[in-house]
PDB file of N, CA and C in Angstrom:
ATOM      1  N   MET A   1       0.855  -1.172   0.000  1.00  0.00           N
ATOM      2  CA  MET A   1       0.000   0.000   0.000  1.00  0.00           C
ATOM      3  C   MET A   1       0.886   1.214   0.000  1.00  0.00           C
ATOM      4  N   SER A   2       0.614   2.148  -0.841  1.00  0.00           N
ATOM      5  CA  SER A   2       1.441   3.345  -0.893  1.00  0.00           C
ATOM      6  C   SER A   2       0.625   4.511  -1.411  1.00  0.00           C
ATOM      7  N   VAL A   3       0.858   5.683  -0.836  1.00  0.00           N
ATOM      8  CA  VAL A   3       0.234   6.922  -1.284  1.00  0.00           C
ATOM      9  C   VAL A   3       1.369   7.875  -1.609  1.00  0.00           C
ATOM     10  N   THR A   4       1.313   8.530  -2.746  1.00  0.00           N
ATOM     11  CA  THR A   4       2.396   9.441  -3.105  1.00  0.00           C
ATOM     12  C   THR A   4       1.847  10.826  -3.360  1.00  0.00           C
ATOM     13  N   GLY A   5       2.728  11.807  -3.368  1.00  0.00           N
ATOM     14  CA  GLY A   5       2.320  13.172  -3.680  1.00  0.00           C
ATOM     15  C   GLY A   5       2.457  14.080  -2.487  1.00  0.00           C
ATOM     16  N   ALA A   6       2.426  15.375  -2.765  1.00  0.00           N
ATOM     17  CA  ALA A   6       2.557  16.377  -1.710  1.00  0.00           C
ATOM     18  C   ALA A   6       1.349  16.340  -0.796  1.00  0.00           C
ATOM     19  N   GLY A   7       1.538  16.776   0.432  1.00  0.00           N
ATOM     20  CA  GLY A   7       0.429  16.857   1.382  1.00  0.00           C
ATOM     21  C   GLY A   7       0.124  15.540   2.066  1.00  0.00           C
ATOM     22  N   HIS A   8       1.001  14.558   1.882  1.00  0.00           N
ATOM     23  CA  HIS A   8       0.761  13.258   2.495  1.00  0.00           C
ATOM     24  C   HIS A   8       1.718  13.000   3.643  1.00  0.00           C
ATOM     25  N   ASN A   9       2.089  14.037   4.393  1.00  0.00           N
ATOM     26  CA  ASN A   9       2.932  13.836   5.556  1.00  0.00           C
ATOM     27  C   ASN A   9       2.159  13.034   6.586  1.00  0.00           C
ATOM     28  N   ALA A  10       2.799  12.034   7.117  1.00  0.00           N
ATOM     29  CA  ALA A  10       2.176  11.175   8.116  1.00  0.00           C
ATOM     30  C   ALA A  10       2.147  11.873   9.475  1.00  0.00           C
ATOM     31  N   ASP A  11       1.161  11.519  10.278  1.00  0.00           N
ATOM     32  CA  ASP A  11       1.121  11.966  11.671  1.00  0.00           C
ATOM     33  C   ASP A  11       2.058  11.100  12.514  1.00  0.00           C
ATOM     34  N   LEU A  12       2.168   9.822  12.112  1.00  0.00           N
ATOM     35  CA  LEU A  12       2.943   8.840  12.858  1.00  0.00           C
ATOM     36  C   LEU A  12       3.636   7.906  11.876  1.00  0.00           C
ATOM     37  N   ILE A  13       4.887   7.613  12.152  1.00  0.00           N
ATOM     38  CA  ILE A  13       5.639   6.616  11.407  1.00  0.00           C
ATOM     39  C   ILE A  13       6.239   5.652  12.419  1.00  0.00           C
ATOM     40  N   VAL A  14       6.087   4.359  12.154  1.00  0.00           N
ATOM     41  CA  VAL A  14       6.735   3.326  12.958  1.00  0.00           C
ATOM     42  C   VAL A  14       7.776   2.672  12.059  1.00  0.00           C
ATOM     43  N   ILE A  15       9.022   2.685  12.512  1.00  0.00           N
ATOM     44  CA  ILE A  15      10.132   2.147  11.725  1.00  0.00           C
ATOM     45  C   ILE A  15      10.777   0.969  12.450  1.00  0.00           C
ATOM     46  N   SER A  16      11.587   0.218  11.727  1.00  0.00           N
ATOM     47  CA  SER A  16      12.396  -0.879  12.282  1.00  0.00           C
ATOM     48  C   SER A  16      11.550  -1.912  13.004  1.00  0.00           C
ATOM     49  N   GLY A  17      10.373  -2.185  12.465  1.00  0.00           N
ATOM     50  CA  GLY A  17       9.500  -3.173  13.069  1.00  0.00           C
ATOM     51  C   GLY A  17       9.335  -4.398  12.199  1.00  0.00           C
ATOM     52  N   ARG A  18       8.714  -5.386  12.751  1.00  0.00           N
ATOM     53  CA  ARG A  18       8.242  -6.540  11.988  1.00  0.00           C
ATOM     54  C   ARG A  18       6.739  -6.327  11.849  1.00  0.00           C
ATOM     55  N   VAL A  19       6.343  -5.676  10.764  1.00  0.00           N
ATOM     56  CA  VAL A  19       4.952  -5.267  10.570  1.00  0.00           C
ATOM     57  C   VAL A  19       4.178  -6.422   9.956  1.00  0.00           C
ATOM     58  N   LEU A  20       3.178  -6.924  10.660  1.00  0.00           N
ATOM     59  CA  LEU A  20       2.284  -7.955  10.148  1.00  0.00           C
ATOM     60  C   LEU A  20       1.166  -7.241   9.404  1.00  0.00           C
ATOM     61  N   THR A  21       1.095  -7.441   8.089  1.00  0.00           N
ATOM     62  CA  THR A  21       0.175  -6.665   7.263  1.00  0.00           C
ATOM     63  C   THR A  21      -1.185  -7.314   7.071  1.00  0.00           C
ATOM     64  N   ILE A  22      -1.300  -8.602   7.274  1.00  0.00           N
ATOM     65  CA  ILE A  22      -2.520  -9.382   6.993  1.00  0.00           C
ATOM     66  C   ILE A  22      -2.847  -9.301   5.499  1.00  0.00           C
ATOM     67  N   ASP A  23      -1.843  -9.169   4.667  1.00  0.00           N
ATOM     68  CA  ASP A  23      -1.990  -9.086   3.212  1.00  0.00           C
ATOM     69  C   ASP A  23      -1.172 -10.230   2.615  1.00  0.00           C
ATOM     70  N   ASP A  24      -1.851 -11.211   2.013  1.00  0.00           N
ATOM     71  CA  ASP A  24      -1.160 -12.381   1.479  1.00  0.00           C
ATOM     72  C   ASP A  24      -0.098 -12.017   0.444  1.00  0.00           C
ATOM     73  N   ASP A  25      -0.321 -10.948  -0.325  1.00  0.00           N
ATOM     74  CA  ASP A  25       0.640 -10.551  -1.352  1.00  0.00           C
ATOM     75  C   ASP A  25       1.854  -9.820  -0.769  1.00  0.00           C
ATOM     76  N   ASN A  26       1.728  -9.279   0.436  1.00  0.00           N
ATOM     77  CA  ASN A  26       2.805  -8.530   1.077  1.00  0.00           C
ATOM     78  C   ASN A  26       2.683  -8.750   2.587  1.00  0.00           C
ATOM     79  N   PRO A  27       3.024  -9.971   3.065  1.00  0.00           N
ATOM     80  CA  PRO A  27       2.709 -10.326   4.454  1.00  0.00           C
ATOM     81  C   PRO A  27       3.475  -9.580   5.532  1.00  0.00           C
ATOM     82  N   THR A  28       4.656  -9.065   5.210  1.00  0.00           N
ATOM     83  CA  THR A  28       5.423  -8.334   6.226  1.00  0.00           C
ATOM     84  C   THR A  28       6.059  -7.095   5.611  1.00  0.00           C
ATOM     85  N   ALA A  29       6.370  -6.160   6.467  1.00  0.00           N
ATOM     86  CA  ALA A  29       7.055  -4.930   6.081  1.00  0.00           C
ATOM     87  C   ALA A  29       7.887  -4.497   7.276  1.00  0.00           C
ATOM     88  N   GLU A  30       8.664  -3.436   7.108  1.00  0.00           N
ATOM     89  CA  GLU A  30       9.487  -2.978   8.233  1.00  0.00           C
ATOM     90  C   GLU A  30       9.070  -1.622   8.767  1.00  0.00           C
ATOM     91  N   ALA A  31       8.111  -0.987   8.086  1.00  0.00           N
ATOM     92  CA  ALA A  31       7.683   0.334   8.546  1.00  0.00           C
ATOM     93  C   ALA A  31       6.257   0.614   8.091  1.00  0.00           C
ATOM     94  N   VAL A  32       5.621   1.546   8.783  1.00  0.00           N
ATOM     95  CA  VAL A  32       4.235   1.908   8.486  1.00  0.00           C
ATOM     96  C   VAL A  32       4.054   3.404   8.730  1.00  0.00           C
ATOM     97  N   ALA A  33       3.212   4.029   7.894  1.00  0.00           N
ATOM     98  CA  ALA A  33       2.896   5.451   8.055  1.00  0.00           C
ATOM     99  C   ALA A  33       1.398   5.591   8.313  1.00  0.00           C
ATOM    100  N   VAL A  34       1.041   6.486   9.238  1.00  0.00           N
ATOM    101  CA  VAL A  34      -0.349   6.693   9.633  1.00  0.00           C
ATOM    102  C   VAL A  34      -0.675   8.179   9.548  1.00  0.00           C
ATOM    103  N   LYS A  35      -1.848   8.495   8.992  1.00  0.00           N
ATOM    104  CA  LYS A  35      -2.325   9.882   8.939  1.00  0.00           C
ATOM    105  C   LYS A  35      -3.811   9.879   9.276  1.00  0.00           C
ATOM    106  N   ASP A  36      -4.213  10.773  10.157  1.00  0.00           N
ATOM    107  CA  ASP A  36      -5.611  10.898  10.564  1.00  0.00           C
ATOM    108  C   ASP A  36      -6.208   9.570  11.010  1.00  0.00           C
ATOM    109  N   GLY A  37      -5.403   8.757  11.710  1.00  0.00           N
ATOM    110  CA  GLY A  37      -5.889   7.506  12.271  1.00  0.00           C
ATOM    111  C   GLY A  37      -5.979   6.356  11.288  1.00  0.00           C
ATOM    112  N   ALA A  38      -5.510   6.538  10.047  1.00  0.00           N
ATOM    113  CA  ALA A  38      -5.566   5.477   9.042  1.00  0.00           C
ATOM    114  C   ALA A  38      -4.171   5.201   8.495  1.00  0.00           C
ATOM    115  N   ILE A  39      -3.894   3.946   8.193  1.00  0.00           N
ATOM    116  CA  ILE A  39      -2.624   3.574   7.585  1.00  0.00           C
ATOM    117  C   ILE A  39      -2.621   4.096   6.150  1.00  0.00           C
ATOM    118  N   ILE A  40      -1.593   4.865   5.816  1.00  0.00           N
ATOM    119  CA  ILE A  40      -1.505   5.387   4.444  1.00  0.00           C
ATOM    120  C   ILE A  40      -0.425   4.688   3.640  1.00  0.00           C
ATOM    121  N   ALA A  41       0.505   3.991   4.309  1.00  0.00           N
ATOM    122  CA  ALA A  41       1.542   3.281   3.571  1.00  0.00           C
ATOM    123  C   ALA A  41       2.234   2.277   4.473  1.00  0.00           C
ATOM    124  N   ILE A  42       2.667   1.177   3.859  1.00  0.00           N
ATOM    125  CA  ILE A  42       3.517   0.195   4.528  1.00  0.00           C
ATOM    126  C   ILE A  42       4.641  -0.142   3.571  1.00  0.00           C
ATOM    127  N   GLY A  43       5.784  -0.523   4.100  1.00  0.00           N
ATOM    128  CA  GLY A  43       6.886  -0.894   3.224  1.00  0.00           C
ATOM    129  C   GLY A  43       8.212  -0.835   3.929  1.00  0.00           C
ATOM    130  N   SER A  44       9.249  -0.547   3.151  1.00  0.00           N
ATOM    131  CA  SER A  44      10.595  -0.452   3.699  1.00  0.00           C
ATOM    132  C   SER A  44      10.716   0.843   4.510  1.00  0.00           C
ATOM    133  N   ARG A  45      11.718   0.873   5.358  1.00  0.00           N
ATOM    134  CA  ARG A  45      11.960   2.080   6.147  1.00  0.00           C
ATOM    135  C   ARG A  45      12.194   3.275   5.235  1.00  0.00           C
ATOM    136  N   ALA A  46      12.991   3.087   4.185  1.00  0.00           N
ATOM    137  CA  ALA A  46      13.304   4.193   3.268  1.00  0.00           C
ATOM    138  C   ALA A  46      12.047   4.715   2.579  1.00  0.00           C
ATOM    139  N   SER A  47      11.180   3.814   2.140  1.00  0.00           N
ATOM    140  CA  SER A  47       9.973   4.269   1.438  1.00  0.00           C
ATOM    141  C   SER A  47       9.004   4.982   2.385  1.00  0.00           C
ATOM    142  N   ILE A  48       8.955   4.550   3.626  1.00  0.00           N
ATOM    143  CA  ILE A  48       8.030   5.160   4.595  1.00  0.00           C
ATOM    144  C   ILE A  48       8.574   6.488   5.103  1.00  0.00           C
ATOM    145  N   GLU A  49       9.874   6.632   5.224  1.00  0.00           N
ATOM    146  CA  GLU A  49      10.437   7.893   5.702  1.00  0.00           C
ATOM    147  C   GLU A  49      10.164   9.046   4.738  1.00  0.00           C
ATOM    148  N   GLU A  50       9.763   8.740   3.508  1.00  0.00           N
ATOM    149  CA  GLU A  50       9.359   9.788   2.569  1.00  0.00           C
ATOM    150  C   GLU A  50       8.097  10.522   3.041  1.00  0.00           C
ATOM    151  N   PHE A  51       7.351   9.906   3.955  1.00  0.00           N
ATOM    152  CA  PHE A  51       6.120  10.503   4.477  1.00  0.00           C
ATOM    153  C   PHE A  51       6.374  11.357   5.718  1.00  0.00           C
ATOM    154  N   LYS A  52       7.636  11.456   6.136  1.00  0.00           N
ATOM    155  CA  LYS A  52       7.968  12.213   7.341  1.00  0.00           C
ATOM    156  C   LYS A  52       7.921  13.705   7.055  1.00  0.00           C
ATOM    157  N   GLY A  53       7.144  14.410   7.881  1.00  0.00           N
ATOM    158  CA  GLY A  53       7.080  15.861   7.825  1.00  0.00           C
ATOM    159  C   GLY A  53       7.586  16.441   9.126  1.00  0.00           C
ATOM    160  N   PRO A  54       7.549  17.759   9.276  1.00  0.00           N
ATOM    161  CA  PRO A  54       8.093  18.392  10.478  1.00  0.00           C
ATOM    162  C   PRO A  54       7.347  18.022  11.766  1.00  0.00           C
ATOM    163  N   ALA A  55       6.083  17.653  11.658  1.00  0.00           N
ATOM    164  CA  ALA A  55       5.308  17.334  12.864  1.00  0.00           C
ATOM    165  C   ALA A  55       5.093  15.832  13.034  1.00  0.00           C
ATOM    166  N   THR A  56       5.711  15.018  12.197  1.00  0.00           N
ATOM    167  CA  THR A  56       5.509  13.568  12.254  1.00  0.00           C
ATOM    168  C   THR A  56       6.195  12.973  13.480  1.00  0.00           C
ATOM    169  N   LYS A  57       5.450  12.190  14.247  1.00  0.00           N
ATOM    170  CA  LYS A  57       6.020  11.455  15.374  1.00  0.00           C
ATOM    171  C   LYS A  57       6.594  10.161  14.816  1.00  0.00           C
ATOM    172  N   VAL A  58       7.836   9.843  15.186  1.00  0.00           N
ATOM    173  CA  VAL A  58       8.493   8.629  14.705  1.00  0.00           C
ATOM    174  C   VAL A  58       8.753   7.715  15.895  1.00  0.00           C
ATOM    175  N   ILE A  59       8.309   6.482  15.763  1.00  0.00           N
ATOM    176  CA  ILE A  59       8.556   5.476  16.800  1.00  0.00           C
ATOM    177  C   ILE A  59       9.452   4.404  16.209  1.00  0.00           C
ATOM    178  N   ASP A  60      10.550   4.109  16.884  1.00  0.00           N
ATOM    179  CA  ASP A  60      11.442   3.035  16.484  1.00  0.00           C
ATOM    180  C   ASP A  60      10.998   1.770  17.220  1.00  0.00           C
ATOM    181  N   ALA A  61      10.461   0.809  16.468  1.00  0.00           N
ATOM    182  CA  ALA A  61       9.970  -0.431  17.084  1.00  0.00           C
ATOM    183  C   ALA A  61      11.107  -1.354  17.501  1.00  0.00           C
ATOM    184  N   LYS A  62      12.330  -1.047  17.110  1.00  0.00           N
ATOM    185  CA  LYS A  62      13.526  -1.797  17.514  1.00  0.00           C
ATOM    186  C   LYS A  62      13.375  -3.295  17.265  1.00  0.00           C
ATOM    187  N   GLY A  63      12.800  -3.634  16.111  1.00  0.00           N
ATOM    188  CA  GLY A  63      12.648  -5.044  15.747  1.00  0.00           C
ATOM    189  C   GLY A  63      11.428  -5.716  16.327  1.00  0.00           C
ATOM    190  N   GLY A  64      10.647  -4.990  17.100  1.00  0.00           N
ATOM    191  CA  GLY A  64       9.449  -5.562  17.699  1.00  0.00           C
ATOM    192  C   GLY A  64       8.327  -5.741  16.694  1.00  0.00           C
ATOM    193  N   SER A  65       7.369  -6.546  17.061  1.00  0.00           N
ATOM    194  CA  SER A  65       6.220  -6.803  16.196  1.00  0.00           C
ATOM    195  C   SER A  65       5.269  -5.621  16.193  1.00  0.00           C
ATOM    196  N   VAL A  66       4.737  -5.311  15.022  1.00  0.00           N
ATOM    197  CA  VAL A  66       3.746  -4.246  14.854  1.00  0.00           C
ATOM    198  C   VAL A  66       2.523  -4.907  14.231  1.00  0.00           C
ATOM    199  N   LEU A  67       1.415  -4.878  14.946  1.00  0.00           N
ATOM    200  CA  LEU A  67       0.192  -5.545  14.507  1.00  0.00           C
ATOM    201  C   LEU A  67      -0.912  -4.533  14.275  1.00  0.00           C
ATOM    202  N   PRO A  68      -1.876  -4.865  13.414  1.00  0.00           N
ATOM    203  CA  PRO A  68      -3.026  -3.977  13.272  1.00  0.00           C
ATOM    204  C   PRO A  68      -3.804  -3.933  14.591  1.00  0.00           C
ATOM    205  N   GLY A  69      -4.528  -2.846  14.823  1.00  0.00           N
ATOM    206  CA  GLY A  69      -5.323  -2.723  16.039  1.00  0.00           C
ATOM    207  C   GLY A  69      -6.487  -3.687  16.024  1.00  0.00           C
ATOM    208  N   PHE A  70      -6.829  -4.202  17.157  1.00  0.00           N
ATOM    209  CA  PHE A  70      -7.971  -5.096  17.277  1.00  0.00           C
ATOM    210  C   PHE A  70      -9.010  -4.414  18.152  1.00  0.00           C
ATOM    211  N   ILE A  71     -10.239  -4.401  17.693  1.00  0.00           N
ATOM    212  CA  ILE A  71     -11.326  -3.776  18.433  1.00  0.00           C
ATOM    213  C   ILE A  71     -12.376  -4.833  18.724  1.00  0.00           C
ATOM    214  N   GLU A  72     -12.743  -4.981  19.957  1.00  0.00           N
ATOM    215  CA  GLU A  72     -13.774  -5.923  20.372  1.00  0.00           C
ATOM    216  C   GLU A  72     -15.099  -5.205  20.238  1.00  0.00           C
ATOM    217  N   ALA A  73     -15.822  -5.473  19.178  1.00  0.00           N
ATOM    218  CA  ALA A  73     -17.035  -4.708  18.895  1.00  0.00           C
ATOM    219  C   ALA A  73     -18.267  -5.605  18.821  1.00  0.00           C
ATOM    220  N   HIS A  74     -18.364  -6.547  19.713  1.00  0.00           N
ATOM    221  CA  HIS A  74     -19.569  -7.361  19.708  1.00  0.00           C
ATOM    222  C   HIS A  74     -20.294  -7.218  21.035  1.00  0.00           C
ATOM    223  N   MET A  75     -21.523  -7.610  21.036  1.00  0.00           N
ATOM    224  CA  MET A  75     -22.322  -7.556  22.258  1.00  0.00           C
ATOM    225  C   MET A  75     -23.282  -8.733  22.232  1.00  0.00           C
ATOM    226  N   HIS A  76     -23.525  -9.298  23.359  1.00  0.00           N
ATOM    227  CA  HIS A  76     -24.546 -10.328  23.477  1.00  0.00           C
ATOM    228  C   HIS A  76     -25.871  -9.593  23.615  1.00  0.00           C
ATOM    229  N   LEU A  77     -26.714  -9.714  22.611  1.00  0.00           N
ATOM    230  CA  LEU A  77     -27.908  -8.870  22.529  1.00  0.00           C
ATOM    231  C   LEU A  77     -28.813  -8.973  23.747  1.00  0.00           C
ATOM    232  N   PHE A  78     -29.112 -10.189  24.205  1.00  0.00           N
ATOM    233  CA  PHE A  78     -30.043 -10.301  25.321  1.00  0.00           C
ATOM    234  C   PHE A  78     -29.455  -9.703  26.592  1.00  0.00           C
ATOM    235  N   SER A  79     -28.247 -10.173  26.958  1.00  0.00           N
ATOM    236  CA  SER A  79     -27.669  -9.666  28.206  1.00  0.00           C
ATOM    237  C   SER A  79     -27.268  -8.199  28.061  1.00  0.00           C
ATOM    238  N   GLY A  80     -26.785  -7.813  26.889  1.00  0.00           N
ATOM    239  CA  GLY A  80     -26.428  -6.409  26.668  1.00  0.00           C
ATOM    240  C   GLY A  80     -27.637  -5.500  26.798  1.00  0.00           C
ATOM    241  N   GLY A  81     -28.751  -5.922  26.223  1.00  0.00           N
ATOM    242  CA  GLY A  81     -29.988  -5.139  26.334  1.00  0.00           C
ATOM    243  C   GLY A  81     -30.493  -5.086  27.763  1.00  0.00           C
ATOM    244  N   ALA A  82     -30.412  -6.226  28.462  1.00  0.00           N
ATOM    245  CA  ALA A  82     -30.879  -6.277  29.853  1.00  0.00           C
ATOM    246  C   ALA A  82     -30.032  -5.383  30.750  1.00  0.00           C
ATOM    247  N   GLU A  83     -28.737  -5.285  30.451  1.00  0.00           N
ATOM    248  CA  GLU A  83     -27.842  -4.485  31.286  1.00  0.00           C
ATOM    249  C   GLU A  83     -28.124  -2.989  31.197  1.00  0.00           C
ATOM    250  N   LEU A  84     -28.818  -2.564  30.160  1.00  0.00           N
ATOM    251  CA  LEU A  84     -29.137  -1.135  30.040  1.00  0.00           C
ATOM    252  C   LEU A  84     -29.981  -0.641  31.214  1.00  0.00           C
ATOM    253  N   ALA A  85     -30.740  -1.547  31.811  1.00  0.00           N
ATOM    254  CA  ALA A  85     -31.595  -1.163  32.934  1.00  0.00           C
ATOM    255  C   ALA A  85     -30.889  -1.273  34.280  1.00  0.00           C
ATOM    256  N   HIS A  86     -29.660  -1.814  34.295  1.00  0.00           N
ATOM    257  CA  HIS A  86     -28.935  -1.947  35.556  1.00  0.00           C
ATOM    258  C   HIS A  86     -28.492  -0.580  36.072  1.00  0.00           C
ATOM    259  N   LEU A  87     -28.250  -0.529  37.352  1.00  0.00           N
ATOM    260  CA  LEU A  87     -27.687   0.668  37.965  1.00  0.00           C
ATOM    261  C   LEU A  87     -26.232   0.783  37.517  1.00  0.00           C
ATOM    262  N   GLN A  88     -25.915   1.830  36.790  1.00  0.00           N
ATOM    263  CA  GLN A  88     -24.559   2.035  36.268  1.00  0.00           C
ATOM    264  C   GLN A  88     -23.724   2.764  37.314  1.00  0.00           C
ATOM    265  N   LEU A  89     -22.677   2.116  37.775  1.00  0.00           N
ATOM    266  CA  LEU A  89     -21.881   2.641  38.886  1.00  0.00           C
ATOM    267  C   LEU A  89     -20.487   3.108  38.480  1.00  0.00           C
ATOM    268  N   THR A  90     -20.196   3.097  37.200  1.00  0.00           N
ATOM    269  CA  THR A  90     -18.889   3.567  36.747  1.00  0.00           C
ATOM    270  C   THR A  90     -18.709   5.033  37.127  1.00  0.00           C
ATOM    271  N   GLY A  91     -17.591   5.334  37.747  1.00  0.00           N
ATOM    272  CA  GLY A  91     -17.299   6.715  38.128  1.00  0.00           C
ATOM    273  C   GLY A  91     -17.828   7.112  39.488  1.00  0.00           C
ATOM    274  N   ILE A  92     -18.538   6.213  40.165  1.00  0.00           N
ATOM    275  CA  ILE A  92     -19.049   6.495  41.518  1.00  0.00           C
ATOM    276  C   ILE A  92     -17.984   6.048  42.512  1.00  0.00           C
ATOM    277  N   HIS A  93     -17.512   6.966  43.340  1.00  0.00           N
ATOM    278  CA  HIS A  93     -16.436   6.646  44.279  1.00  0.00           C
ATOM    279  C   HIS A  93     -16.858   6.997  45.698  1.00  0.00           C
ATOM    280  N   GLY A  94     -16.548   6.105  46.620  1.00  0.00           N
ATOM    281  CA  GLY A  94     -16.822   6.343  48.028  1.00  0.00           C
ATOM    282  C   GLY A  94     -18.166   5.787  48.463  1.00  0.00           C
ATOM    283  N   PHE A  95     -18.232   5.442  49.742  1.00  0.00           N
ATOM    284  CA  PHE A  95     -19.432   4.804  50.291  1.00  0.00           C
ATOM    285  C   PHE A  95     -20.660   5.702  50.183  1.00  0.00           C
ATOM    286  N   GLU A  96     -20.525   6.969  50.544  1.00  0.00           N
ATOM    287  CA  GLU A  96     -21.686   7.857  50.528  1.00  0.00           C
ATOM    288  C   GLU A  96     -22.243   8.019  49.107  1.00  0.00           C
ATOM    289  N   ALA A  97     -21.363   8.176  48.136  1.00  0.00           N
ATOM    290  CA  ALA A  97     -21.806   8.322  46.744  1.00  0.00           C
ATOM    291  C   ALA A  97     -22.477   7.045  46.254  1.00  0.00           C
ATOM    292  N   LEU A  98     -21.927   5.901  46.627  1.00  0.00           N
ATOM    293  CA  LEU A  98     -22.520   4.621  46.251  1.00  0.00           C
ATOM    294  C   LEU A  98     -23.892   4.457  46.906  1.00  0.00           C
ATOM    295  N   GLN A  99     -23.988   4.791  48.170  1.00  0.00           N
ATOM    296  CA  GLN A  99     -25.253   4.704  48.890  1.00  0.00           C
ATOM    297  C   GLN A  99     -26.306   5.611  48.253  1.00  0.00           C
ATOM    298  N   LYS A 100     -25.934   6.815  47.893  1.00  0.00           N
ATOM    299  CA  LYS A 100     -26.867   7.744  47.258  1.00  0.00           C
ATOM    300  C   LYS A 100     -27.333   7.213  45.905  1.00  0.00           C
ATOM    301  N   ALA A 101     -26.396   6.680  45.117  1.00  0.00           N
ATOM    302  CA  ALA A 101     -26.755   6.140  43.806  1.00  0.00           C
ATOM    303  C   ALA A 101     -27.766   5.012  43.940  1.00  0.00           C
ATOM    304  N   ILE A 102     -27.553   4.129  44.895  1.00  0.00           N
ATOM    305  CA  ILE A 102     -28.477   3.009  45.107  1.00  0.00           C
ATOM    306  C   ILE A 102     -29.832   3.515  45.595  1.00  0.00           C
ATOM    307  N   ARG A 103     -29.822   4.445  46.536  1.00  0.00           N
ATOM    308  CA  ARG A 103     -31.094   4.979  47.065  1.00  0.00           C
ATOM    309  C   ARG A 103     -31.859   5.770  46.005  1.00  0.00           C
ATOM    310  N   ASP A 104     -31.166   6.436  45.088  1.00  0.00           N
ATOM    311  CA  ASP A 104     -31.835   7.149  43.999  1.00  0.00           C
ATOM    312  C   ASP A 104     -32.387   6.176  42.955  1.00  0.00           C
ATOM    313  N   TYR A 105     -31.698   5.065  42.759  1.00  0.00           N
ATOM    314  CA  TYR A 105     -32.082   4.088  41.746  1.00  0.00           C
ATOM    315  C   TYR A 105     -33.252   3.208  42.214  1.00  0.00           C
ATOM    316  N   ALA A 106     -33.246   2.817  43.469  1.00  0.00           N
ATOM    317  CA  ALA A 106     -34.242   1.872  43.989  1.00  0.00           C
ATOM    318  C   ALA A 106     -35.687   2.282  43.699  1.00  0.00           C
ATOM    319  N   PRO A 107     -36.094   3.533  43.900  1.00  0.00           N
ATOM    320  CA  PRO A 107     -37.490   3.893  43.633  1.00  0.00           C
ATOM    321  C   PRO A 107     -37.890   3.783  42.153  1.00  0.00           C
ATOM    322  N   THR A 108     -36.910   3.740  41.254  1.00  0.00           N
ATOM    323  CA  THR A 108     -37.235   3.600  39.831  1.00  0.00           C
ATOM    324  C   THR A 108     -37.553   2.155  39.465  1.00  0.00           C
ATOM    325  N   ARG A 109     -37.326   1.234  40.395  1.00  0.00           N
ATOM    326  CA  ARG A 109     -37.609  -0.191  40.197  1.00  0.00           C
ATOM    327  C   ARG A 109     -38.445  -0.713  41.359  1.00  0.00           C
ATOM    328  N   PRO A 110     -39.656  -0.189  41.564  1.00  0.00           N
ATOM    329  CA  PRO A 110     -40.433  -0.551  42.752  1.00  0.00           C
ATOM    330  C   PRO A 110     -40.825  -2.028  42.812  1.00  0.00           C
ATOM    331  N   ASP A 111     -40.925  -2.719  41.694  1.00  0.00           N
ATOM    332  CA  ASP A 111     -41.330  -4.119  41.703  1.00  0.00           C
ATOM    333  C   ASP A 111     -40.150  -5.087  41.680  1.00  0.00           C
ATOM    334  N   ALA A 112     -38.943  -4.590  41.633  1.00  0.00           N
ATOM    335  CA  ALA A 112     -37.769  -5.465  41.560  1.00  0.00           C
ATOM    336  C   ALA A 112     -37.535  -6.157  42.892  1.00  0.00           C
ATOM    337  N   LYS A 113     -37.316  -7.456  42.832  1.00  0.00           N
ATOM    338  CA  LYS A 113     -36.988  -8.210  44.047  1.00  0.00           C
ATOM    339  C   LYS A 113     -35.496  -8.081  44.363  1.00  0.00           C
ATOM    340  N   MET A 114     -34.730  -7.717  43.351  1.00  0.00           N
ATOM    341  CA  MET A 114     -33.294  -7.546  43.534  1.00  0.00           C
ATOM    342  C   MET A 114     -32.836  -6.424  42.604  1.00  0.00           C
ATOM    343  N   LEU A 115     -32.003  -5.550  43.115  1.00  0.00           N
ATOM    344  CA  LEU A 115     -31.415  -4.505  42.291  1.00  0.00           C
ATOM    345  C   LEU A 115     -30.067  -5.002  41.763  1.00  0.00           C
ATOM    346  N   VAL A 116     -29.804  -4.706  40.489  1.00  0.00           N
ATOM    347  CA  VAL A 116     -28.555  -5.133  39.880  1.00  0.00           C
ATOM    348  C   VAL A 116     -27.802  -3.896  39.414  1.00  0.00           C
ATOM    349  N   GLY A 117     -26.526  -3.840  39.817  1.00  0.00           N
ATOM    350  CA  GLY A 117     -25.667  -2.746  39.401  1.00  0.00           C
ATOM    351  C   GLY A 117     -24.440  -3.300  38.717  1.00  0.00           C
ATOM    352  N   GLN A 118     -23.757  -2.446  37.989  1.00  0.00           N
ATOM    353  CA  GLN A 118     -22.518  -2.875  37.333  1.00  0.00           C
ATOM    354  C   GLN A 118     -21.568  -1.708  37.206  1.00  0.00           C
ATOM    355  N   GLY A 119     -20.286  -2.053  37.095  1.00  0.00           N
ATOM    356  CA  GLY A 119     -19.261  -1.049  36.885  1.00  0.00           C
ATOM    357  C   GLY A 119     -18.723  -0.442  38.165  1.00  0.00           C
ATOM    358  N   VAL A 120     -18.991  -1.053  39.297  1.00  0.00           N
ATOM    359  CA  VAL A 120     -18.540  -0.480  40.566  1.00  0.00           C
ATOM    360  C   VAL A 120     -17.008  -0.535  40.668  1.00  0.00           C
ATOM    361  N   ASP A 121     -16.435   0.479  41.249  1.00  0.00           N
ATOM    362  CA  ASP A 121     -14.995   0.549  41.509  1.00  0.00           C
ATOM    363  C   ASP A 121     -14.775   0.054  42.931  1.00  0.00           C
ATOM    364  N   TYR A 122     -14.210  -1.138  43.057  1.00  0.00           N
ATOM    365  CA  TYR A 122     -14.057  -1.756  44.378  1.00  0.00           C
ATOM    366  C   TYR A 122     -12.988  -1.110  45.239  1.00  0.00           C
ATOM    367  N   THR A 123     -12.212  -0.182  44.668  1.00  0.00           N
ATOM    368  CA  THR A 123     -11.195   0.453  45.490  1.00  0.00           C
ATOM    369  C   THR A 123     -11.826   1.559  46.314  1.00  0.00           C
TER     370      THR A 123
END
């Protein structure tokens, strides 16, 4: 993959890596260029350094592996949907704040035999 021409300075360049491309025709490379959160080029260090501009951040992978990002983007529909009604406790810190959150939530579920919360910070 390669992009050429003016105005294609990368935001980030990773050099001296073992880049796993997931491309059968070009399975590995030694450098990668990224602009606006997208890979714009992969290849040799020399070819990728052509994308270096004055504001480009350069990371030397020192022979380390460079892999594409992995995003866990699935949800179990039934349990995920059911959890929307749970008491969300992320960001609630301290006993008094937790107690208030539970006391504010309880009246919204008058028929519930058990209140369910998630995301509590146990520290």
